[in-house]
Amino acid sequence: MAQENGQSELPEEPDDAVIGKPKGGVKRGDGAAKRKAFGTGYELWVGLALGFYVIYAVTELVTDLVHAKIRLPLEFESDAVATLGFPGGEATLSGLTQITVSTTDLATATMVLLLIAKIALILTFIVAAVAIVPVIRDIAKGDPFTSRSIMALGVLESFIAVGWLVYFAAMVLGSNMVSRDLDIADEVGPGVTTVQAFVLLGVVGGIELLRRCFTSGQRASEELEGLV
């Protein structure tokens, strides 16, 4: 009978009738979302930005070496070697300024240290570009708290710390030797400042904080899955 004791019996809807969520399978929309995310390529934008910087840095270094010159920063502390003449007056260099020096004016040891600093910086950005891609891909998929993301953040943090430490050490020694070779050691300082060191500490600390947040998120996700 369609009706008994004044109550109507409604047919049960099967579990499979839920739109986008077939029984025993994943949501149908998930595959499309993944294809859309990976199809647009937006998860690679950060890596590409770092990659473009690497291309720029390598091109600049190769071009300079072909023309027998090299660029480096120096901290100008005295007006004795920092005065520039212009048709309408004079100006003075102060603070951290990038200069271009002929490689013929520098000793071999100086050039080696400067090249180590520049190559260390380039390699650091290459590793950062590669390491950040898995993190952004997992975020794009809606599942950021994965072991792959946590490992990638650890690699990113380690290489940034080591790479910048090598850069700082080589650049401090190299820029001091440049000022010695140019006979301006008393007027300029090394091309690395305390502010840059604090910025490095902030970047490394921020990545470590993010890694620990991802680790806590992964632990919380596993606990929730165990309760279901």
C-alpha atoms as a PDB file:
ATOM      1  CA  MET A   1       0.000   0.000   0.000  1.00  0.00           C
ATOM      2  CA  ALA A   2       1.216   3.523  -0.788  1.00  0.00           C
ATOM      3  CA  GLN A   3      -0.196   4.871   2.500  1.00  0.00           C
ATOM      4  CA  GLU A   4      -0.646   3.178   5.899  1.00  0.00           C
ATOM      5  CA  ASN A   5      -1.870   4.671   9.231  1.00  0.00           C
ATOM      6  CA  GLY A   6      -1.862   8.140   7.695  1.00  0.00           C
ATOM      7  CA  GLN A   7       1.858   8.057   6.983  1.00  0.00           C
ATOM      8  CA  SER A   8       3.332   7.950   3.531  1.00  0.00           C
ATOM      9  CA  GLU A   9       6.408   5.913   2.761  1.00  0.00           C
ATOM     10  CA  LEU A  10       8.979   7.832   0.739  1.00  0.00           C
ATOM     11  CA  PRO A  11      11.441   5.821  -1.306  1.00  0.00           C
ATOM     12  CA  GLU A  12      14.988   5.767   0.035  1.00  0.00           C
ATOM     13  CA  GLU A  13      17.545   7.585  -1.992  1.00  0.00           C
ATOM     14  CA  PRO A  14      20.600   5.485  -2.652  1.00  0.00           C
ATOM     15  CA  ASP A  15      23.953   6.757  -1.523  1.00  0.00           C
ATOM     16  CA  ASP A  16      25.031   6.939  -5.125  1.00  0.00           C
ATOM     17  CA  ALA A  17      22.434   9.674  -5.738  1.00  0.00           C
ATOM     18  CA  VAL A  18      24.575  12.294  -3.981  1.00  0.00           C
ATOM     19  CA  ILE A  19      25.803  14.573  -6.707  1.00  0.00           C
ATOM     20  CA  GLY A  20      29.545  14.517  -7.195  1.00  0.00           C
ATOM     21  CA  LYS A  21      30.072  11.850  -4.513  1.00  0.00           C
ATOM     22  CA  PRO A  22      29.575   8.327  -5.829  1.00  0.00           C
ATOM     23  CA  LYS A  23      29.498   5.533  -3.296  1.00  0.00           C
ATOM     24  CA  GLY A  24      32.875   4.011  -2.608  1.00  0.00           C
ATOM     25  CA  GLY A  25      34.758   6.586  -4.684  1.00  0.00           C
ATOM     26  CA  VAL A  26      36.142  10.068  -4.587  1.00  0.00           C
ATOM     27  CA  LYS A  27      34.273  13.197  -5.535  1.00  0.00           C
ATOM     28  CA  ARG A  28      33.836  13.634  -9.253  1.00  0.00           C
ATOM     29  CA  GLY A  29      34.728  17.286  -8.979  1.00  0.00           C
ATOM     30  CA  ASP A  30      38.132  16.538  -7.454  1.00  0.00           C
ATOM     31  CA  GLY A  31      39.649  15.246 -10.676  1.00  0.00           C
ATOM     32  CA  ALA A  32      38.409  18.250 -12.630  1.00  0.00           C
ATOM     33  CA  ALA A  33      39.716  20.614  -9.975  1.00  0.00           C
ATOM     34  CA  LYS A  34      43.133  18.965 -10.076  1.00  0.00           C
ATOM     35  CA  ARG A  35      43.237  19.079 -13.862  1.00  0.00           C
ATOM     36  CA  LYS A  36      42.250  22.739 -13.801  1.00  0.00           C
ATOM     37  CA  ALA A  37      44.849  23.619 -11.192  1.00  0.00           C
ATOM     38  CA  PHE A  38      47.646  21.822 -12.995  1.00  0.00           C
ATOM     39  CA  GLY A  39      46.385  22.930 -16.379  1.00  0.00           C
ATOM     40  CA  THR A  40      46.603  26.650 -15.613  1.00  0.00           C
ATOM     41  CA  GLY A  41      50.081  26.281 -14.119  1.00  0.00           C
ATOM     42  CA  TYR A  42      49.530  28.916 -11.441  1.00  0.00           C
ATOM     43  CA  GLU A  43      51.094  26.615  -8.856  1.00  0.00           C
ATOM     44  CA  LEU A  44      54.430  27.164 -10.648  1.00  0.00           C
ATOM     45  CA  TRP A  45      54.368  30.978 -10.682  1.00  0.00           C
ATOM     46  CA  VAL A  46      56.570  31.384  -7.609  1.00  0.00           C
ATOM     47  CA  GLY A  47      59.059  28.863  -8.954  1.00  0.00           C
ATOM     48  CA  LEU A  48      59.047  30.595 -12.329  1.00  0.00           C
ATOM     49  CA  ALA A  49      59.662  33.975 -10.680  1.00  0.00           C
ATOM     50  CA  LEU A  50      62.751  32.563  -8.965  1.00  0.00           C
ATOM     51  CA  GLY A  51      63.738  30.884 -12.217  1.00  0.00           C
ATOM     52  CA  PHE A  52      63.560  34.195 -14.103  1.00  0.00           C
ATOM     53  CA  TYR A  53      65.847  35.754 -11.511  1.00  0.00           C
ATOM     54  CA  VAL A  54      68.316  32.895 -12.014  1.00  0.00           C
ATOM     55  CA  ILE A  55      68.277  33.474 -15.776  1.00  0.00           C
ATOM     56  CA  TYR A  56      68.842  37.201 -15.221  1.00  0.00           C
ATOM     57  CA  ALA A  57      71.712  36.613 -12.765  1.00  0.00           C
ATOM     58  CA  VAL A  58      73.442  34.052 -14.992  1.00  0.00           C
ATOM     59  CA  THR A  59      73.071  36.284 -18.057  1.00  0.00           C
ATOM     60  CA  GLU A  60      74.479  39.261 -16.159  1.00  0.00           C
ATOM     61  CA  LEU A  61      77.450  37.267 -14.854  1.00  0.00           C
ATOM     62  CA  VAL A  62      78.311  35.761 -18.242  1.00  0.00           C
ATOM     63  CA  THR A  63      77.961  39.124 -20.001  1.00  0.00           C
ATOM     64  CA  ASP A  64      80.214  40.828 -17.453  1.00  0.00           C
ATOM     65  CA  LEU A  65      82.884  38.140 -17.730  1.00  0.00           C
ATOM     66  CA  VAL A  66      82.821  38.316 -21.532  1.00  0.00           C
ATOM     67  CA  HIS A  67      83.476  42.070 -21.258  1.00  0.00           C
ATOM     68  CA  ALA A  68      86.177  41.498 -18.588  1.00  0.00           C
ATOM     69  CA  LYS A  69      84.291  43.203 -15.760  1.00  0.00           C
ATOM     70  CA  ILE A  70      82.359  42.248 -12.667  1.00  0.00           C
ATOM     71  CA  ARG A  71      79.703  43.961 -10.559  1.00  0.00           C
ATOM     72  CA  LEU A  72      79.682  43.956  -6.785  1.00  0.00           C
ATOM     73  CA  PRO A  73      78.284  46.024  -3.906  1.00  0.00           C
ATOM     74  CA  LEU A  74      80.488  48.195  -1.697  1.00  0.00           C
ATOM     75  CA  GLU A  75      79.627  50.260   1.368  1.00  0.00           C
ATOM     76  CA  PHE A  76      80.890  53.818   0.739  1.00  0.00           C
ATOM     77  CA  GLU A  77      81.898  55.413   4.023  1.00  0.00           C
ATOM     78  CA  SER A  78      84.033  58.355   2.885  1.00  0.00           C
ATOM     79  CA  ASP A  79      83.587  61.200   0.388  1.00  0.00           C
ATOM     80  CA  ALA A  80      87.201  60.847  -0.705  1.00  0.00           C
ATOM     81  CA  VAL A  81      86.422  58.259  -3.394  1.00  0.00           C
ATOM     82  CA  ALA A  82      82.656  58.731  -3.690  1.00  0.00           C
ATOM     83  CA  THR A  83      82.341  62.146  -5.331  1.00  0.00           C
ATOM     84  CA  LEU A  84      80.716  62.220  -8.780  1.00  0.00           C
ATOM     85  CA  GLY A  85      80.949  65.175 -11.127  1.00  0.00           C
ATOM     86  CA  PHE A  86      77.977  66.225 -13.236  1.00  0.00           C
ATOM     87  CA  PRO A  87      77.525  69.155 -15.662  1.00  0.00           C
ATOM     88  CA  GLY A  88      75.211  70.845 -13.178  1.00  0.00           C
ATOM     89  CA  GLY A  89      77.038  70.026  -9.962  1.00  0.00           C
ATOM     90  CA  GLU A  90      78.411  67.205  -7.855  1.00  0.00           C
ATOM     91  CA  ALA A  91      76.957  64.220  -6.006  1.00  0.00           C
ATOM     92  CA  THR A  92      78.360  61.843  -3.431  1.00  0.00           C
ATOM     93  CA  LEU A  93      77.891  58.098  -3.165  1.00  0.00           C
ATOM     94  CA  SER A  94      76.913  56.883   0.285  1.00  0.00           C
ATOM     95  CA  GLY A  95      75.852  53.576   1.738  1.00  0.00           C
ATOM     96  CA  LEU A  96      75.647  50.305  -0.167  1.00  0.00           C
ATOM     97  CA  THR A  97      76.268  50.941  -3.871  1.00  0.00           C
ATOM     98  CA  GLN A  98      76.878  48.573  -6.769  1.00  0.00           C
ATOM     99  CA  ILE A  99      80.024  49.261  -8.777  1.00  0.00           C
ATOM    100  CA  THR A 100      81.512  47.706 -11.911  1.00  0.00           C
ATOM    101  CA  VAL A 101      85.205  46.853 -11.827  1.00  0.00           C
ATOM    102  CA  SER A 102      87.494  45.658 -14.583  1.00  0.00           C
ATOM    103  CA  THR A 103      88.699  42.119 -13.930  1.00  0.00           C
ATOM    104  CA  THR A 104      92.214  43.148 -14.980  1.00  0.00           C
ATOM    105  CA  ASP A 105      92.416  45.389 -11.900  1.00  0.00           C
ATOM    106  CA  LEU A 106      91.669  42.542  -9.504  1.00  0.00           C
ATOM    107  CA  ALA A 107      93.843  39.734  -8.186  1.00  0.00           C
ATOM    108  CA  THR A 108      93.018  36.121  -9.044  1.00  0.00           C
ATOM    109  CA  ALA A 109      92.068  35.297  -5.435  1.00  0.00           C
ATOM    110  CA  THR A 110      89.688  38.265  -5.426  1.00  0.00           C
ATOM    111  CA  MET A 111      87.968  37.069  -8.589  1.00  0.00           C
ATOM    112  CA  VAL A 112      87.641  33.534  -7.191  1.00  0.00           C
ATOM    113  CA  LEU A 113      85.893  34.782  -4.043  1.00  0.00           C
ATOM    114  CA  LEU A 114      83.531  37.027  -6.013  1.00  0.00           C
ATOM    115  CA  LEU A 115      82.628  34.180  -8.373  1.00  0.00           C
ATOM    116  CA  ILE A 116      82.004  31.852  -5.415  1.00  0.00           C
ATOM    117  CA  ALA A 117      79.643  34.436  -3.916  1.00  0.00           C
ATOM    118  CA  LYS A 118      77.703  34.928  -7.154  1.00  0.00           C
ATOM    119  CA  ILE A 119      77.482  31.224  -8.009  1.00  0.00           C
ATOM    120  CA  ALA A 120      76.388  30.357  -4.449  1.00  0.00           C
ATOM    121  CA  LEU A 121      73.577  32.907  -4.732  1.00  0.00           C
ATOM    122  CA  ILE A 122      72.472  31.547  -8.116  1.00  0.00           C
ATOM    123  CA  LEU A 123      72.483  27.927  -6.888  1.00  0.00           C
ATOM    124  CA  THR A 124      70.473  28.948  -3.821  1.00  0.00           C
ATOM    125  CA  PHE A 125      67.750  30.453  -5.999  1.00  0.00           C
ATOM    126  CA  ILE A 126      67.735  27.390  -8.282  1.00  0.00           C
ATOM    127  CA  VAL A 127      67.189  25.046  -5.314  1.00  0.00           C
ATOM    128  CA  ALA A 128      64.546  27.386  -3.887  1.00  0.00           C
ATOM    129  CA  ALA A 129      62.675  27.401  -7.214  1.00  0.00           C
ATOM    130  CA  VAL A 130      62.666  23.592  -7.346  1.00  0.00           C
ATOM    131  CA  ALA A 131      61.851  23.063  -3.657  1.00  0.00           C
ATOM    132  CA  ILE A 132      58.901  25.466  -3.532  1.00  0.00           C
ATOM    133  CA  VAL A 133      57.015  23.795  -6.418  1.00  0.00           C
ATOM    134  CA  PRO A 134      55.780  20.696  -4.469  1.00  0.00           C
ATOM    135  CA  VAL A 135      54.533  22.926  -1.650  1.00  0.00           C
ATOM    136  CA  ILE A 136      52.494  25.108  -4.002  1.00  0.00           C
ATOM    137  CA  ARG A 137      51.160  22.073  -5.879  1.00  0.00           C
ATOM    138  CA  ASP A 138      49.875  20.499  -2.660  1.00  0.00           C
ATOM    139  CA  ILE A 139      48.300  23.808  -1.607  1.00  0.00           C
ATOM    140  CA  ALA A 140      46.636  24.047  -5.033  1.00  0.00           C
ATOM    141  CA  LYS A 141      45.198  20.547  -4.585  1.00  0.00           C
ATOM    142  CA  GLY A 142      43.733  21.524  -1.192  1.00  0.00           C
ATOM    143  CA  ASP A 143      45.963  19.123   0.750  1.00  0.00           C
ATOM    144  CA  PRO A 144      48.958  21.174   1.932  1.00  0.00           C
ATOM    145  CA  PHE A 145      49.861  19.117   5.018  1.00  0.00           C
ATOM    146  CA  THR A 146      51.732  16.336   3.244  1.00  0.00           C
ATOM    147  CA  SER A 147      55.078  14.746   4.008  1.00  0.00           C
ATOM    148  CA  ARG A 148      56.325  15.937   0.636  1.00  0.00           C
ATOM    149  CA  SER A 149      55.543  19.574   1.470  1.00  0.00           C
ATOM    150  CA  ILE A 150      57.171  19.328   4.896  1.00  0.00           C
ATOM    151  CA  MET A 151      60.305  17.764   3.419  1.00  0.00           C
ATOM    152  CA  ALA A 152      60.426  20.403   0.663  1.00  0.00           C
ATOM    153  CA  LEU A 153      60.211  23.206   3.233  1.00  0.00           C
ATOM    154  CA  GLY A 154      63.058  21.624   5.204  1.00  0.00           C
ATOM    155  CA  VAL A 155      65.221  21.432   2.060  1.00  0.00           C
ATOM    156  CA  LEU A 156      64.323  25.024   1.192  1.00  0.00           C
ATOM    157  CA  GLU A 157      65.234  26.269   4.661  1.00  0.00           C
ATOM    158  CA  SER A 158      68.551  24.407   4.760  1.00  0.00           C
ATOM    159  CA  PHE A 159      69.730  25.485   1.319  1.00  0.00           C
ATOM    160  CA  ILE A 160      68.760  29.129   1.860  1.00  0.00           C
ATOM    161  CA  ALA A 161      70.649  29.218   5.163  1.00  0.00           C
ATOM    162  CA  VAL A 162      73.769  27.488   3.803  1.00  0.00           C
ATOM    163  CA  GLY A 163      73.728  29.286   0.448  1.00  0.00           C
ATOM    164  CA  TRP A 164      73.414  32.753   1.954  1.00  0.00           C
ATOM    165  CA  LEU A 165      76.072  32.022   4.576  1.00  0.00           C
ATOM    166  CA  VAL A 166      78.486  31.033   1.798  1.00  0.00           C
ATOM    167  CA  TYR A 167      77.488  34.171  -0.131  1.00  0.00           C
ATOM    168  CA  PHE A 168      78.002  36.420   2.897  1.00  0.00           C
ATOM    169  CA  ALA A 169      81.401  34.927   3.742  1.00  0.00           C
ATOM    170  CA  ALA A 170      82.698  35.026   0.165  1.00  0.00           C
ATOM    171  CA  MET A 171      81.307  38.516  -0.514  1.00  0.00           C
ATOM    172  CA  VAL A 172      82.744  40.006   2.682  1.00  0.00           C
ATOM    173  CA  LEU A 173      86.208  38.618   1.908  1.00  0.00           C
ATOM    174  CA  GLY A 174      85.945  39.368  -1.813  1.00  0.00           C
ATOM    175  CA  SER A 175      84.732  42.967  -1.444  1.00  0.00           C
ATOM    176  CA  ASN A 176      87.441  43.669   1.142  1.00  0.00           C
ATOM    177  CA  MET A 177      90.027  42.354  -1.316  1.00  0.00           C
ATOM    178  CA  VAL A 178      88.514  44.510  -4.075  1.00  0.00           C
ATOM    179  CA  SER A 179      88.948  47.619  -1.947  1.00  0.00           C
ATOM    180  CA  ARG A 180      92.532  46.497  -1.298  1.00  0.00           C
ATOM    181  CA  ASP A 181      93.248  45.931  -4.998  1.00  0.00           C
ATOM    182  CA  LEU A 182      91.766  49.351  -5.869  1.00  0.00           C
ATOM    183  CA  ASP A 183      93.637  50.998  -2.970  1.00  0.00           C
ATOM    184  CA  ILE A 184      90.454  52.342  -1.354  1.00  0.00           C
ATOM    185  CA  ALA A 185      90.358  50.073   1.698  1.00  0.00           C
ATOM    186  CA  ASP A 186      90.066  52.992   4.135  1.00  0.00           C
ATOM    187  CA  GLU A 187      87.120  54.603   2.326  1.00  0.00           C
ATOM    188  CA  VAL A 188      84.738  51.678   1.730  1.00  0.00           C
ATOM    189  CA  GLY A 189      83.396  48.718   3.658  1.00  0.00           C
ATOM    190  CA  PRO A 190      82.324  45.197   2.654  1.00  0.00           C
ATOM    191  CA  GLY A 191      79.330  44.692   0.395  1.00  0.00           C
ATOM    192  CA  VAL A 192      77.272  42.913   3.071  1.00  0.00           C
ATOM    193  CA  THR A 193      75.332  44.809   5.725  1.00  0.00           C
ATOM    194  CA  THR A 194      73.832  43.873   9.079  1.00  0.00           C
ATOM    195  CA  VAL A 195      70.366  44.534   7.675  1.00  0.00           C
ATOM    196  CA  GLN A 196      70.881  41.818   5.065  1.00  0.00           C
ATOM    197  CA  ALA A 197      71.891  39.365   7.790  1.00  0.00           C
ATOM    198  CA  PHE A 198      68.717  40.132   9.759  1.00  0.00           C
ATOM    199  CA  VAL A 199      66.614  39.737   6.599  1.00  0.00           C
ATOM    200  CA  LEU A 200      68.179  36.289   6.094  1.00  0.00           C
ATOM    201  CA  LEU A 201      67.361  35.321   9.684  1.00  0.00           C
ATOM    202  CA  GLY A 202      63.783  36.491   9.148  1.00  0.00           C
ATOM    203  CA  VAL A 203      63.380  34.470   5.936  1.00  0.00           C
ATOM    204  CA  VAL A 204      64.851  31.294   7.447  1.00  0.00           C
ATOM    205  CA  GLY A 205      62.802  31.741  10.629  1.00  0.00           C
ATOM    206  CA  GLY A 206      59.620  32.267   8.602  1.00  0.00           C
ATOM    207  CA  ILE A 207      60.200  29.093   6.584  1.00  0.00           C
ATOM    208  CA  GLU A 208      60.875  27.123   9.779  1.00  0.00           C
ATOM    209  CA  LEU A 209      57.670  28.479  11.325  1.00  0.00           C
ATOM    210  CA  LEU A 210      55.727  27.489   8.213  1.00  0.00           C
ATOM    211  CA  ARG A 211      57.279  24.012   8.271  1.00  0.00           C
ATOM    212  CA  ARG A 212      56.252  23.511  11.893  1.00  0.00           C
ATOM    213  CA  CYS A 213      52.729  24.699  11.092  1.00  0.00           C
ATOM    214  CA  PHE A 214      52.550  22.136   8.281  1.00  0.00           C
ATOM    215  CA  THR A 215      53.832  19.434  10.634  1.00  0.00           C
ATOM    216  CA  SER A 216      51.150  20.308  13.207  1.00  0.00           C
ATOM    217  CA  GLY A 217      48.523  20.367  10.453  1.00  0.00           C
ATOM    218  CA  GLN A 218      49.560  16.926   9.257  1.00  0.00           C
ATOM    219  CA  ARG A 219      49.384  15.555  12.814  1.00  0.00           C
ATOM    220  CA  ALA A 220      45.917  17.070  13.318  1.00  0.00           C
ATOM    221  CA  SER A 221      44.700  15.632   9.993  1.00  0.00           C
ATOM    222  CA  GLU A 222      45.893  12.152  10.925  1.00  0.00           C
ATOM    223  CA  GLU A 223      44.161  12.372  14.297  1.00  0.00           C
ATOM    224  CA  LEU A 224      40.901  13.421  12.642  1.00  0.00           C
ATOM    225  CA  GLU A 225      41.121  10.559  10.168  1.00  0.00           C
ATOM    226  CA  GLY A 226      41.618   8.157  13.060  1.00  0.00           C
ATOM    227  CA  LEU A 227      38.434   9.406  14.729  1.00  0.00           C
ATOM    228  CA  VAL A 228      36.289   8.962  11.627  1.00  0.00           C
END
